[in-house]
Amino acid sequence: MHDLGVNQHFCDEIAVMYLGRIVEQAPAQVFFSAPSHPYSWSLIPATAPPGPLKKDYLVKGDPRNPMDPPPGCRFVVAHCRDDLPILNIQSDEHFVACHRTGEIYRPDFVSL
C-alpha cells in the first residue's frame, strides 16, 4: 500500500522501494521515528504530523527514468559512489541501502 499515513497505523513493517529496489526496511515504529534513507525522508513529510519529521526533508528534482536507471545507486545524490548499495543493517531490524547512511541530509544537499 502506498499511503504511509495508513501504513503507519496498520502495518508492523515498512519497506520503501525506489525504482524497483528496496532502499529501506524497518518495523513501522522505527521507520517513522528515524527514517534513514533520503528517499524515505522525502516521503515522510507528506503524512507526518507537525514535528521534528515535518522539517525540510524534501527531495528536489524529477525521479529517474525507471526504464533506464542510472548505474550504481539509483537514488543518486551528490557524491554517491558508482556501485549499487545493498541493504545493510542500520540497527536492530532496520535495513538501509545507502552509501551515505548516517549523514545529515539537508534540502540543499539532496537533489535528483
PDB file of N, CA and C in Angstrom:
ATOM      1  N   MET A   1       0.838  -1.161   0.000  1.00  0.00           N
ATOM      2  CA  MET A   1       0.000   0.000   0.000  1.00  0.00           C
ATOM      3  C   MET A   1       0.891   1.234   0.000  1.00  0.00           C
ATOM      4  N   HIS A   2       0.504   2.241  -0.757  1.00  0.00           N
ATOM      5  CA  HIS A   2       1.330   3.420  -0.918  1.00  0.00           C
ATOM      6  C   HIS A   2       1.004   4.565   0.032  1.00  0.00           C
ATOM      7  N   ASP A   3      -0.018   4.442   0.836  1.00  0.00           N
ATOM      8  CA  ASP A   3      -0.406   5.510   1.740  1.00  0.00           C
ATOM      9  C   ASP A   3       0.314   5.337   3.077  1.00  0.00           C
ATOM     10  N   LEU A   4       1.378   6.103   3.276  1.00  0.00           N
ATOM     11  CA  LEU A   4       2.160   5.967   4.506  1.00  0.00           C
ATOM     12  C   LEU A   4       1.365   6.358   5.742  1.00  0.00           C
ATOM     13  N   GLY A   5       0.421   7.272   5.597  1.00  0.00           N
ATOM     14  CA  GLY A   5      -0.408   7.644   6.735  1.00  0.00           C
ATOM     15  C   GLY A   5      -1.213   6.465   7.247  1.00  0.00           C
ATOM     16  N   VAL A   6      -1.733   5.656   6.337  1.00  0.00           N
ATOM     17  CA  VAL A   6      -2.474   4.453   6.720  1.00  0.00           C
ATOM     18  C   VAL A   6      -1.506   3.381   7.208  1.00  0.00           C
ATOM     19  N   ASN A   7      -0.413   3.201   6.482  1.00  0.00           N
ATOM     20  CA  ASN A   7       0.575   2.187   6.857  1.00  0.00           C
ATOM     21  C   ASN A   7       1.107   2.405   8.264  1.00  0.00           C
ATOM     22  N   GLN A   8       1.255   3.647   8.642  1.00  0.00           N
ATOM     23  CA  GLN A   8       1.792   3.970   9.964  1.00  0.00           C
ATOM     24  C   GLN A   8       0.932   3.364  11.064  1.00  0.00           C
ATOM     25  N   HIS A   9      -0.367   3.244  10.825  1.00  0.00           N
ATOM     26  CA  HIS A   9      -1.280   2.761  11.856  1.00  0.00           C
ATOM     27  C   HIS A   9      -1.636   1.287  11.724  1.00  0.00           C
ATOM     28  N   PHE A  10      -1.437   0.700  10.549  1.00  0.00           N
ATOM     29  CA  PHE A  10      -1.895  -0.667  10.336  1.00  0.00           C
ATOM     30  C   PHE A  10      -0.804  -1.682  10.021  1.00  0.00           C
ATOM     31  N   CYS A  11       0.402  -1.230   9.747  1.00  0.00           N
ATOM     32  CA  CYS A  11       1.465  -2.156   9.358  1.00  0.00           C
ATOM     33  C   CYS A  11       2.490  -2.321  10.474  1.00  0.00           C
ATOM     34  N   ASP A  12       2.995  -3.528  10.591  1.00  0.00           N
ATOM     35  CA  ASP A  12       4.056  -3.793  11.564  1.00  0.00           C
ATOM     36  C   ASP A  12       5.428  -3.491  10.971  1.00  0.00           C
ATOM     37  N   GLU A  13       5.566  -3.640   9.672  1.00  0.00           N
ATOM     38  CA  GLU A  13       6.845  -3.496   8.979  1.00  0.00           C
ATOM     39  C   GLU A  13       6.637  -2.601   7.761  1.00  0.00           C
ATOM     40  N   ILE A  14       7.614  -1.756   7.466  1.00  0.00           N
ATOM     41  CA  ILE A  14       7.564  -0.868   6.308  1.00  0.00           C
ATOM     42  C   ILE A  14       8.773  -1.156   5.422  1.00  0.00           C
ATOM     43  N   ALA A  15       8.535  -1.265   4.131  1.00  0.00           N
ATOM     44  CA  ALA A  15       9.613  -1.376   3.152  1.00  0.00           C
ATOM     45  C   ALA A  15       9.376  -0.303   2.103  1.00  0.00           C
ATOM     46  N   VAL A  16      10.378   0.509   1.846  1.00  0.00           N
ATOM     47  CA  VAL A  16      10.291   1.581   0.865  1.00  0.00           C
ATOM     48  C   VAL A  16      11.100   1.164  -0.355  1.00  0.00           C
ATOM     49  N   MET A  17      10.475   1.292  -1.523  1.00  0.00           N
ATOM     50  CA  MET A  17      11.161   0.941  -2.774  1.00  0.00           C
ATOM     51  C   MET A  17      11.378   2.198  -3.608  1.00  0.00           C
ATOM     52  N   TYR A  18      12.483   2.215  -4.325  1.00  0.00           N
ATOM     53  CA  TYR A  18      12.760   3.275  -5.293  1.00  0.00           C
ATOM     54  C   TYR A  18      13.277   2.605  -6.549  1.00  0.00           C
ATOM     55  N   LEU A  19      12.617   2.837  -7.664  1.00  0.00           N
ATOM     56  CA  LEU A  19      12.970   2.234  -8.956  1.00  0.00           C
ATOM     57  C   LEU A  19      13.157   0.724  -8.856  1.00  0.00           C
ATOM     58  N   GLY A  20      12.222   0.068  -8.175  1.00  0.00           N
ATOM     59  CA  GLY A  20      12.202  -1.388  -8.131  1.00  0.00           C
ATOM     60  C   GLY A  20      13.136  -2.041  -7.131  1.00  0.00           C
ATOM     61  N   ARG A  21      13.781  -1.275  -6.282  1.00  0.00           N
ATOM     62  CA  ARG A  21      14.684  -1.838  -5.273  1.00  0.00           C
ATOM     63  C   ARG A  21      14.295  -1.324  -3.896  1.00  0.00           C
ATOM     64  N   ILE A  22      14.349  -2.214  -2.913  1.00  0.00           N
ATOM     65  CA  ILE A  22      14.085  -1.783  -1.534  1.00  0.00           C
ATOM     66  C   ILE A  22      15.262  -0.939  -1.068  1.00  0.00           C
ATOM     67  N   VAL A  23      14.957   0.278  -0.604  1.00  0.00           N
ATOM     68  CA  VAL A  23      16.005   1.169  -0.114  1.00  0.00           C
ATOM     69  C   VAL A  23      16.001   1.279   1.412  1.00  0.00           C
ATOM     70  N   GLU A  24      14.865   0.892   2.020  1.00  0.00           N
ATOM     71  CA  GLU A  24      14.808   0.907   3.483  1.00  0.00           C
ATOM     72  C   GLU A  24      13.714  -0.045   3.944  1.00  0.00           C
ATOM     73  N   GLN A  25      14.004  -0.763   5.020  1.00  0.00           N
ATOM     74  CA  GLN A  25      13.040  -1.690   5.602  1.00  0.00           C
ATOM     75  C   GLN A  25      13.228  -1.685   7.109  1.00  0.00           C
ATOM     76  N   ALA A  26      12.107  -1.543   7.827  1.00  0.00           N
ATOM     77  CA  ALA A  26      12.191  -1.479   9.295  1.00  0.00           C
ATOM     78  C   ALA A  26      10.810  -1.704   9.897  1.00  0.00           C
ATOM     79  N   PRO A  27      10.776  -2.054  11.188  1.00  0.00           N
ATOM     80  CA  PRO A  27       9.491  -2.051  11.872  1.00  0.00           C
ATOM     81  C   PRO A  27       8.878  -0.650  11.761  1.00  0.00           C
ATOM     82  N   ALA A  28       7.559  -0.565  11.637  1.00  0.00           N
ATOM     83  CA  ALA A  28       6.895   0.720  11.399  1.00  0.00           C
ATOM     84  C   ALA A  28       7.282   1.777  12.432  1.00  0.00           C
ATOM     85  N   GLN A  29       7.310   1.406  13.695  1.00  0.00           N
ATOM     86  CA  GLN A  29       7.634   2.380  14.738  1.00  0.00           C
ATOM     87  C   GLN A  29       9.048   2.936  14.545  1.00  0.00           C
ATOM     88  N   VAL A  30       9.987   2.087  14.192  1.00  0.00           N
ATOM     89  CA  VAL A  30      11.370   2.525  13.955  1.00  0.00           C
ATOM     90  C   VAL A  30      11.434   3.398  12.711  1.00  0.00           C
ATOM     91  N   PHE A  31      10.774   2.946  11.649  1.00  0.00           N
ATOM     92  CA  PHE A  31      10.811   3.690  10.388  1.00  0.00           C
ATOM     93  C   PHE A  31      10.272   5.107  10.569  1.00  0.00           C
ATOM     94  N   PHE A  32       9.118   5.252  11.194  1.00  0.00           N
ATOM     95  CA  PHE A  32       8.513   6.571  11.312  1.00  0.00           C
ATOM     96  C   PHE A  32       9.201   7.457  12.344  1.00  0.00           C
ATOM     97  N   SER A  33       9.956   6.881  13.253  1.00  0.00           N
ATOM     98  CA  SER A  33      10.665   7.709  14.228  1.00  0.00           C
ATOM     99  C   SER A  33      12.063   8.080  13.744  1.00  0.00           C
ATOM    100  N   ALA A  34      12.647   7.267  12.856  1.00  0.00           N
ATOM    101  CA  ALA A  34      14.020   7.544  12.410  1.00  0.00           C
ATOM    102  C   ALA A  34      14.280   7.011  11.002  1.00  0.00           C
ATOM    103  N   PRO A  35      13.630   7.580   9.972  1.00  0.00           N
ATOM    104  CA  PRO A  35      13.935   7.131   8.617  1.00  0.00           C
ATOM    105  C   PRO A  35      15.383   7.459   8.284  1.00  0.00           C
ATOM    106  N   SER A  36      16.055   6.562   7.550  1.00  0.00           N
ATOM    107  CA  SER A  36      17.484   6.748   7.307  1.00  0.00           C
ATOM    108  C   SER A  36      17.851   6.988   5.853  1.00  0.00           C
ATOM    109  N   HIS A  37      17.014   6.592   4.924  1.00  0.00           N
ATOM    110  CA  HIS A  37      17.325   6.793   3.509  1.00  0.00           C
ATOM    111  C   HIS A  37      16.750   8.143   3.063  1.00  0.00           C
ATOM    112  N   PRO A  38      17.473   8.902   2.233  1.00  0.00           N
ATOM    113  CA  PRO A  38      16.958  10.220   1.820  1.00  0.00           C
ATOM    114  C   PRO A  38      15.620  10.136   1.087  1.00  0.00           C
ATOM    115  N   TYR A  39      15.358   9.059   0.365  1.00  0.00           N
ATOM    116  CA  TYR A  39      14.053   8.932  -0.290  1.00  0.00           C
ATOM    117  C   TYR A  39      12.956   8.747   0.756  1.00  0.00           C
ATOM    118  N   SER A  40      13.231   7.969   1.785  1.00  0.00           N
ATOM    119  CA  SER A  40      12.262   7.806   2.868  1.00  0.00           C
ATOM    120  C   SER A  40      11.981   9.153   3.523  1.00  0.00           C
ATOM    121  N   TRP A  41      13.040   9.936   3.727  1.00  0.00           N
ATOM    122  CA  TRP A  41      12.881  11.254   4.340  1.00  0.00           C
ATOM    123  C   TRP A  41      11.952  12.115   3.499  1.00  0.00           C
ATOM    124  N   SER A  42      12.013  11.944   2.183  1.00  0.00           N
ATOM    125  CA  SER A  42      11.180  12.768   1.303  1.00  0.00           C
ATOM    126  C   SER A  42       9.721  12.333   1.346  1.00  0.00           C
ATOM    127  N   LEU A  43       9.442  11.088   1.730  1.00  0.00           N
ATOM    128  CA  LEU A  43       8.071  10.593   1.789  1.00  0.00           C
ATOM    129  C   LEU A  43       7.374  10.957   3.089  1.00  0.00           C
ATOM    130  N   ILE A  44       8.118  11.047   4.174  1.00  0.00           N
ATOM    131  CA  ILE A  44       7.550  11.270   5.499  1.00  0.00           C
ATOM    132  C   ILE A  44       6.767  12.588   5.604  1.00  0.00           C
ATOM    133  N   PRO A  45       7.266  13.714   5.105  1.00  0.00           N
ATOM    134  CA  PRO A  45       6.521  14.971   5.299  1.00  0.00           C
ATOM    135  C   PRO A  45       5.104  14.950   4.736  1.00  0.00           C
ATOM    136  N   ALA A  46       4.842  14.127   3.768  1.00  0.00           N
ATOM    137  CA  ALA A  46       3.504  14.067   3.184  1.00  0.00           C
ATOM    138  C   ALA A  46       2.480  13.507   4.166  1.00  0.00           C
ATOM    139  N   THR A  47       2.928  12.726   5.145  1.00  0.00           N
ATOM    140  CA  THR A  47       1.989  12.081   6.058  1.00  0.00           C
ATOM    141  C   THR A  47       2.241  12.410   7.522  1.00  0.00           C
ATOM    142  N   ALA A  48       3.406  12.931   7.850  1.00  0.00           N
ATOM    143  CA  ALA A  48       3.751  13.164   9.256  1.00  0.00           C
ATOM    144  C   ALA A  48       3.022  14.381   9.807  1.00  0.00           C
ATOM    145  N   PRO A  49       2.606  14.298  11.070  1.00  0.00           N
ATOM    146  CA  PRO A  49       2.029  15.487  11.709  1.00  0.00           C
ATOM    147  C   PRO A  49       3.148  16.497  11.951  1.00  0.00           C
ATOM    148  N   PRO A  50       2.811  17.736  12.253  1.00  0.00           N
ATOM    149  CA  PRO A  50       3.863  18.713  12.550  1.00  0.00           C
ATOM    150  C   PRO A  50       4.782  18.199  13.656  1.00  0.00           C
ATOM    151  N   GLY A  51       6.036  18.449  13.514  1.00  0.00           N
ATOM    152  CA  GLY A  51       7.012  17.993  14.495  1.00  0.00           C
ATOM    153  C   GLY A  51       8.364  17.813  13.843  1.00  0.00           C
ATOM    154  N   PRO A  52       9.269  17.095  14.505  1.00  0.00           N
ATOM    155  CA  PRO A  52      10.640  17.003  14.015  1.00  0.00           C
ATOM    156  C   PRO A  52      10.756  16.374  12.623  1.00  0.00           C
ATOM    157  N   LEU A  53       9.885  15.442  12.265  1.00  0.00           N
ATOM    158  CA  LEU A  53       9.986  14.833  10.938  1.00  0.00           C
ATOM    159  C   LEU A  53       9.309  15.673   9.860  1.00  0.00           C
ATOM    160  N   LYS A  54       8.670  16.741  10.222  1.00  0.00           N
ATOM    161  CA  LYS A  54       7.978  17.599   9.255  1.00  0.00           C
ATOM    162  C   LYS A  54       8.893  18.722   8.785  1.00  0.00           C
ATOM    163  N   LYS A  55      10.177  18.572   8.991  1.00  0.00           N
ATOM    164  CA  LYS A  55      11.133  19.603   8.599  1.00  0.00           C
ATOM    165  C   LYS A  55      11.294  19.628   7.085  1.00  0.00           C
ATOM    166  N   ASP A  56      12.380  20.156   6.609  1.00  0.00           N
ATOM    167  CA  ASP A  56      12.611  20.370   5.183  1.00  0.00           C
ATOM    168  C   ASP A  56      13.210  19.168   4.474  1.00  0.00           C
ATOM    169  N   TYR A  57      12.779  17.975   4.804  1.00  0.00           N
ATOM    170  CA  TYR A  57      13.342  16.786   4.196  1.00  0.00           C
ATOM    171  C   TYR A  57      12.635  16.495   2.880  1.00  0.00           C
ATOM    172  N   LEU A  58      12.816  17.346   1.925  1.00  0.00           N
ATOM    173  CA  LEU A  58      12.189  17.170   0.623  1.00  0.00           C
ATOM    174  C   LEU A  58      13.259  16.954  -0.430  1.00  0.00           C
ATOM    175  N   VAL A  59      12.973  16.077  -1.348  1.00  0.00           N
ATOM    176  CA  VAL A  59      13.890  15.825  -2.447  1.00  0.00           C
ATOM    177  C   VAL A  59      13.440  16.667  -3.621  1.00  0.00           C
ATOM    178  N   LYS A  60      14.355  17.389  -4.193  1.00  0.00           N
ATOM    179  CA  LYS A  60      14.031  18.276  -5.300  1.00  0.00           C
ATOM    180  C   LYS A  60      14.446  17.627  -6.617  1.00  0.00           C
ATOM    181  N   GLY A  61      13.681  17.892  -7.647  1.00  0.00           N
ATOM    182  CA  GLY A  61      14.007  17.365  -8.968  1.00  0.00           C
ATOM    183  C   GLY A  61      13.035  16.289  -9.396  1.00  0.00           C
ATOM    184  N   ASP A  62      13.265  15.763 -10.578  1.00  0.00           N
ATOM    185  CA  ASP A  62      12.398  14.730 -11.137  1.00  0.00           C
ATOM    186  C   ASP A  62      12.960  13.351 -10.846  1.00  0.00           C
ATOM    187  N   PRO A  63      12.068  12.350 -10.679  1.00  0.00           N
ATOM    188  CA  PRO A  63      12.561  10.985 -10.453  1.00  0.00           C
ATOM    189  C   PRO A  63      13.299  10.467 -11.686  1.00  0.00           C
ATOM    190  N   ARG A  64      14.151   9.501 -11.466  1.00  0.00           N
ATOM    191  CA  ARG A  64      14.891   8.869 -12.556  1.00  0.00           C
ATOM    192  C   ARG A  64      13.936   8.095 -13.458  1.00  0.00           C
ATOM    193  N   ASN A  65      14.375   7.813 -14.663  1.00  0.00           N
ATOM    194  CA  ASN A  65      13.610   7.023 -15.613  1.00  0.00           C
ATOM    195  C   ASN A  65      13.673   5.557 -15.186  1.00  0.00           C
ATOM    196  N   PRO A  66      12.538   4.936 -14.820  1.00  0.00           N
ATOM    197  CA  PRO A  66      12.571   3.542 -14.370  1.00  0.00           C
ATOM    198  C   PRO A  66      12.957   2.562 -15.480  1.00  0.00           C
ATOM    199  N   MET A  67      12.829   2.995 -16.732  1.00  0.00           N
ATOM    200  CA  MET A  67      13.209   2.127 -17.853  1.00  0.00           C
ATOM    201  C   MET A  67      14.712   2.200 -18.126  1.00  0.00           C
ATOM    202  N   ASP A  68      15.358   3.226 -17.593  1.00  0.00           N
ATOM    203  CA  ASP A  68      16.795   3.400 -17.813  1.00  0.00           C
ATOM    204  C   ASP A  68      17.441   3.934 -16.530  1.00  0.00           C
ATOM    205  N   PRO A  69      17.438   3.098 -15.454  1.00  0.00           N
ATOM    206  CA  PRO A  69      18.002   3.584 -14.188  1.00  0.00           C
ATOM    207  C   PRO A  69      19.504   3.822 -14.317  1.00  0.00           C
ATOM    208  N   PRO A  70      20.022   4.749 -13.530  1.00  0.00           N
ATOM    209  CA  PRO A  70      21.458   5.011 -13.589  1.00  0.00           C
ATOM    210  C   PRO A  70      22.250   3.814 -13.064  1.00  0.00           C
ATOM    211  N   PRO A  71      23.488   3.673 -13.487  1.00  0.00           N
ATOM    212  CA  PRO A  71      24.311   2.598 -12.914  1.00  0.00           C
ATOM    213  C   PRO A  71      24.607   2.920 -11.456  1.00  0.00           C
ATOM    214  N   GLY A  72      24.829   1.899 -10.674  1.00  0.00           N
ATOM    215  CA  GLY A  72      25.128   2.119  -9.260  1.00  0.00           C
ATOM    216  C   GLY A  72      23.892   2.525  -8.502  1.00  0.00           C
ATOM    217  N   CYS A  73      24.039   3.488  -7.632  1.00  0.00           N
ATOM    218  CA  CYS A  73      22.931   3.956  -6.803  1.00  0.00           C
ATOM    219  C   CYS A  73      21.842   4.543  -7.692  1.00  0.00           C
ATOM    220  N   ARG A  74      20.625   4.020  -7.548  1.00  0.00           N
ATOM    221  CA  ARG A  74      19.514   4.518  -8.364  1.00  0.00           C
ATOM    222  C   ARG A  74      18.983   5.837  -7.836  1.00  0.00           C
ATOM    223  N   PHE A  75      19.232   6.111  -6.600  1.00  0.00           N
ATOM    224  CA  PHE A  75      18.817   7.372  -5.985  1.00  0.00           C
ATOM    225  C   PHE A  75      20.061   8.239  -5.853  1.00  0.00           C
ATOM    226  N   VAL A  76      20.626   8.613  -6.961  1.00  0.00           N
ATOM    227  CA  VAL A  76      21.907   9.311  -6.976  1.00  0.00           C
ATOM    228  C   VAL A  76      21.764  10.697  -6.368  1.00  0.00           C
ATOM    229  N   VAL A  77      22.538  10.938  -5.325  1.00  0.00           N
ATOM    230  CA  VAL A  77      22.639  12.265  -4.729  1.00  0.00           C
ATOM    231  C   VAL A  77      24.101  12.677  -4.796  1.00  0.00           C
ATOM    232  N   ALA A  78      24.363  13.898  -4.434  1.00  0.00           N
ATOM    233  CA  ALA A  78      25.724  14.421  -4.536  1.00  0.00           C
ATOM    234  C   ALA A  78      26.748  13.494  -3.878  1.00  0.00           C
ATOM    235  N   HIS A  79      27.811  13.241  -4.570  1.00  0.00           N
ATOM    236  CA  HIS A  79      28.949  12.485  -4.069  1.00  0.00           C
ATOM    237  C   HIS A  79      28.664  11.017  -3.773  1.00  0.00           C
ATOM    238  N   CYS A  80      27.661  10.425  -4.426  1.00  0.00           N
ATOM    239  CA  CYS A  80      27.413   8.994  -4.241  1.00  0.00           C
ATOM    240  C   CYS A  80      28.472   8.183  -4.988  1.00  0.00           C
ATOM    241  N   ARG A  81      28.607   6.944  -4.580  1.00  0.00           N
ATOM    242  CA  ARG A  81      29.538   6.046  -5.250  1.00  0.00           C
ATOM    243  C   ARG A  81      28.863   5.420  -6.454  1.00  0.00           C
ATOM    244  N   ASP A  82      29.661   4.805  -7.323  1.00  0.00           N
ATOM    245  CA  ASP A  82      29.130   4.210  -8.546  1.00  0.00           C
ATOM    246  C   ASP A  82      28.583   2.806  -8.352  1.00  0.00           C
ATOM    247  N   ASP A  83      28.883   2.161  -7.217  1.00  0.00           N
ATOM    248  CA  ASP A  83      28.384   0.802  -7.031  1.00  0.00           C
ATOM    249  C   ASP A  83      27.001   0.827  -6.385  1.00  0.00           C
ATOM    250  N   LEU A  84      26.219  -0.201  -6.669  1.00  0.00           N
ATOM    251  CA  LEU A  84      24.849  -0.301  -6.176  1.00  0.00           C
ATOM    252  C   LEU A  84      24.854  -0.612  -4.684  1.00  0.00           C
ATOM    253  N   PRO A  85      24.226   0.234  -3.860  1.00  0.00           N
ATOM    254  CA  PRO A  85      24.199  -0.062  -2.417  1.00  0.00           C
ATOM    255  C   PRO A  85      23.286  -1.250  -2.131  1.00  0.00           C
ATOM    256  N   ILE A  86      23.657  -2.034  -1.148  1.00  0.00           N
ATOM    257  CA  ILE A  86      22.851  -3.178  -0.734  1.00  0.00           C
ATOM    258  C   ILE A  86      22.240  -2.871   0.623  1.00  0.00           C
ATOM    259  N   LEU A  87      21.211  -3.627   0.986  1.00  0.00           N
ATOM    260  CA  LEU A  87      20.596  -3.432   2.296  1.00  0.00           C
ATOM    261  C   LEU A  87      21.582  -3.826   3.384  1.00  0.00           C
ATOM    262  N   ASN A  88      21.926  -2.893   4.225  1.00  0.00           N
ATOM    263  CA  ASN A  88      22.828  -3.127   5.345  1.00  0.00           C
ATOM    264  C   ASN A  88      22.075  -2.875   6.638  1.00  0.00           C
ATOM    265  N   ILE A  89      22.534  -3.510   7.689  1.00  0.00           N
ATOM    266  CA  ILE A  89      21.901  -3.338   8.997  1.00  0.00           C
ATOM    267  C   ILE A  89      22.231  -1.950   9.525  1.00  0.00           C
ATOM    268  N   GLN A  90      21.191  -1.159   9.750  1.00  0.00           N
ATOM    269  CA  GLN A  90      21.328   0.163  10.355  1.00  0.00           C
ATOM    270  C   GLN A  90      21.296   0.018  11.873  1.00  0.00           C
ATOM    271  N   SER A  91      20.335  -0.757  12.337  1.00  0.00           N
ATOM    272  CA  SER A  91      20.194  -1.106  13.742  1.00  0.00           C
ATOM    273  C   SER A  91      19.320  -2.346  13.793  1.00  0.00           C
ATOM    274  N   ASP A  92      18.963  -2.783  14.964  1.00  0.00           N
ATOM    275  CA  ASP A  92      18.166  -3.992  15.111  1.00  0.00           C
ATOM    276  C   ASP A  92      16.916  -3.949  14.234  1.00  0.00           C
ATOM    277  N   GLU A  93      16.837  -4.831  13.261  1.00  0.00           N
ATOM    278  CA  GLU A  93      15.706  -4.969  12.342  1.00  0.00           C
ATOM    279  C   GLU A  93      15.503  -3.778  11.408  1.00  0.00           C
ATOM    280  N   HIS A  94      16.469  -2.887  11.283  1.00  0.00           N
ATOM    281  CA  HIS A  94      16.367  -1.718  10.414  1.00  0.00           C
ATOM    282  C   HIS A  94      17.456  -1.827   9.350  1.00  0.00           C
ATOM    283  N   PHE A  95      17.040  -1.910   8.091  1.00  0.00           N
ATOM    284  CA  PHE A  95      17.967  -2.110   6.985  1.00  0.00           C
ATOM    285  C   PHE A  95      17.864  -0.934   6.018  1.00  0.00           C
ATOM    286  N   VAL A  96      19.016  -0.479   5.530  1.00  0.00           N
ATOM    287  CA  VAL A  96      19.051   0.669   4.626  1.00  0.00           C
ATOM    288  C   VAL A  96      20.064   0.399   3.516  1.00  0.00           C
ATOM    289  N   ALA A  97      19.670   0.733   2.285  1.00  0.00           N
ATOM    290  CA  ALA A  97      20.569   0.604   1.134  1.00  0.00           C
ATOM    291  C   ALA A  97      20.983   2.003   0.698  1.00  0.00           C
ATOM    292  N   CYS A  98      22.030   2.514   1.324  1.00  0.00           N
ATOM    293  CA  CYS A  98      22.519   3.855   1.005  1.00  0.00           C
ATOM    294  C   CYS A  98      23.982   3.957   1.414  1.00  0.00           C
ATOM    295  N   HIS A  99      24.791   4.526   0.529  1.00  0.00           N
ATOM    296  CA  HIS A  99      26.204   4.727   0.856  1.00  0.00           C
ATOM    297  C   HIS A  99      26.400   5.866   1.847  1.00  0.00           C
ATOM    298  N   ARG A 100      25.398   6.732   1.959  1.00  0.00           N
ATOM    299  CA  ARG A 100      25.528   7.921   2.793  1.00  0.00           C
ATOM    300  C   ARG A 100      24.751   7.812   4.102  1.00  0.00           C
ATOM    301  N   THR A 101      24.330   6.594   4.479  1.00  0.00           N
ATOM    302  CA  THR A 101      23.559   6.400   5.696  1.00  0.00           C
ATOM    303  C   THR A 101      24.298   6.976   6.896  1.00  0.00           C
ATOM    304  N   GLY A 102      23.567   7.650   7.729  1.00  0.00           N
ATOM    305  CA  GLY A 102      24.158   8.229   8.928  1.00  0.00           C
ATOM    306  C   GLY A 102      24.544   9.679   8.767  1.00  0.00           C
ATOM    307  N   GLU A 103      24.569  10.162   7.534  1.00  0.00           N
ATOM    308  CA  GLU A 103      24.878  11.569   7.320  1.00  0.00           C
ATOM    309  C   GLU A 103      23.598  12.380   7.458  1.00  0.00           C
ATOM    310  N   ILE A 104      23.735  13.627   7.734  1.00  0.00           N
ATOM    311  CA  ILE A 104      22.568  14.501   7.841  1.00  0.00           C
ATOM    312  C   ILE A 104      22.238  15.011   6.450  1.00  0.00           C
ATOM    313  N   TYR A 105      21.017  14.785   6.023  1.00  0.00           N
ATOM    314  CA  TYR A 105      20.575  15.264   4.719  1.00  0.00           C
ATOM    315  C   TYR A 105      19.881  16.595   4.883  1.00  0.00           C
ATOM    316  N   ARG A 106      20.256  17.516   4.044  1.00  0.00           N
ATOM    317  CA  ARG A 106      19.653  18.836   4.061  1.00  0.00           C
ATOM    318  C   ARG A 106      18.985  19.061   2.712  1.00  0.00           C
ATOM    319  N   PRO A 107      17.958  19.906   2.639  1.00  0.00           N
ATOM    320  CA  PRO A 107      17.271  20.132   1.381  1.00  0.00           C
ATOM    321  C   PRO A 107      18.211  20.632   0.288  1.00  0.00           C
ATOM    322  N   ASP A 108      19.242  21.395   0.658  1.00  0.00           N
ATOM    323  CA  ASP A 108      20.147  21.891  -0.367  1.00  0.00           C
ATOM    324  C   ASP A 108      21.152  20.828  -0.797  1.00  0.00           C
ATOM    325  N   PHE A 109      21.192  19.706  -0.100  1.00  0.00           N
ATOM    326  CA  PHE A 109      22.123  18.626  -0.426  1.00  0.00           C
ATOM    327  C   PHE A 109      21.451  17.552  -1.257  1.00  0.00           C
ATOM    328  N   VAL A 110      20.237  17.179  -0.910  1.00  0.00           N
ATOM    329  CA  VAL A 110      19.557  16.075  -1.566  1.00  0.00           C
ATOM    330  C   VAL A 110      18.802  16.573  -2.774  1.00  0.00           C
ATOM    331  N   SER A 111      19.238  16.185  -3.950  1.00  0.00           N
ATOM    332  CA  SER A 111      18.521  16.531  -5.163  1.00  0.00           C
ATOM    333  C   SER A 111      18.722  15.447  -6.176  1.00  0.00           C
ATOM    334  N   LEU A 112      17.724  15.239  -6.986  1.00  0.00           N
ATOM    335  CA  LEU A 112      17.803  14.215  -8.031  1.00  0.00           C
ATOM    336  C   LEU A 112      18.485  14.754  -9.249  1.00  0.00           C
TER     337      LEU A 112
END
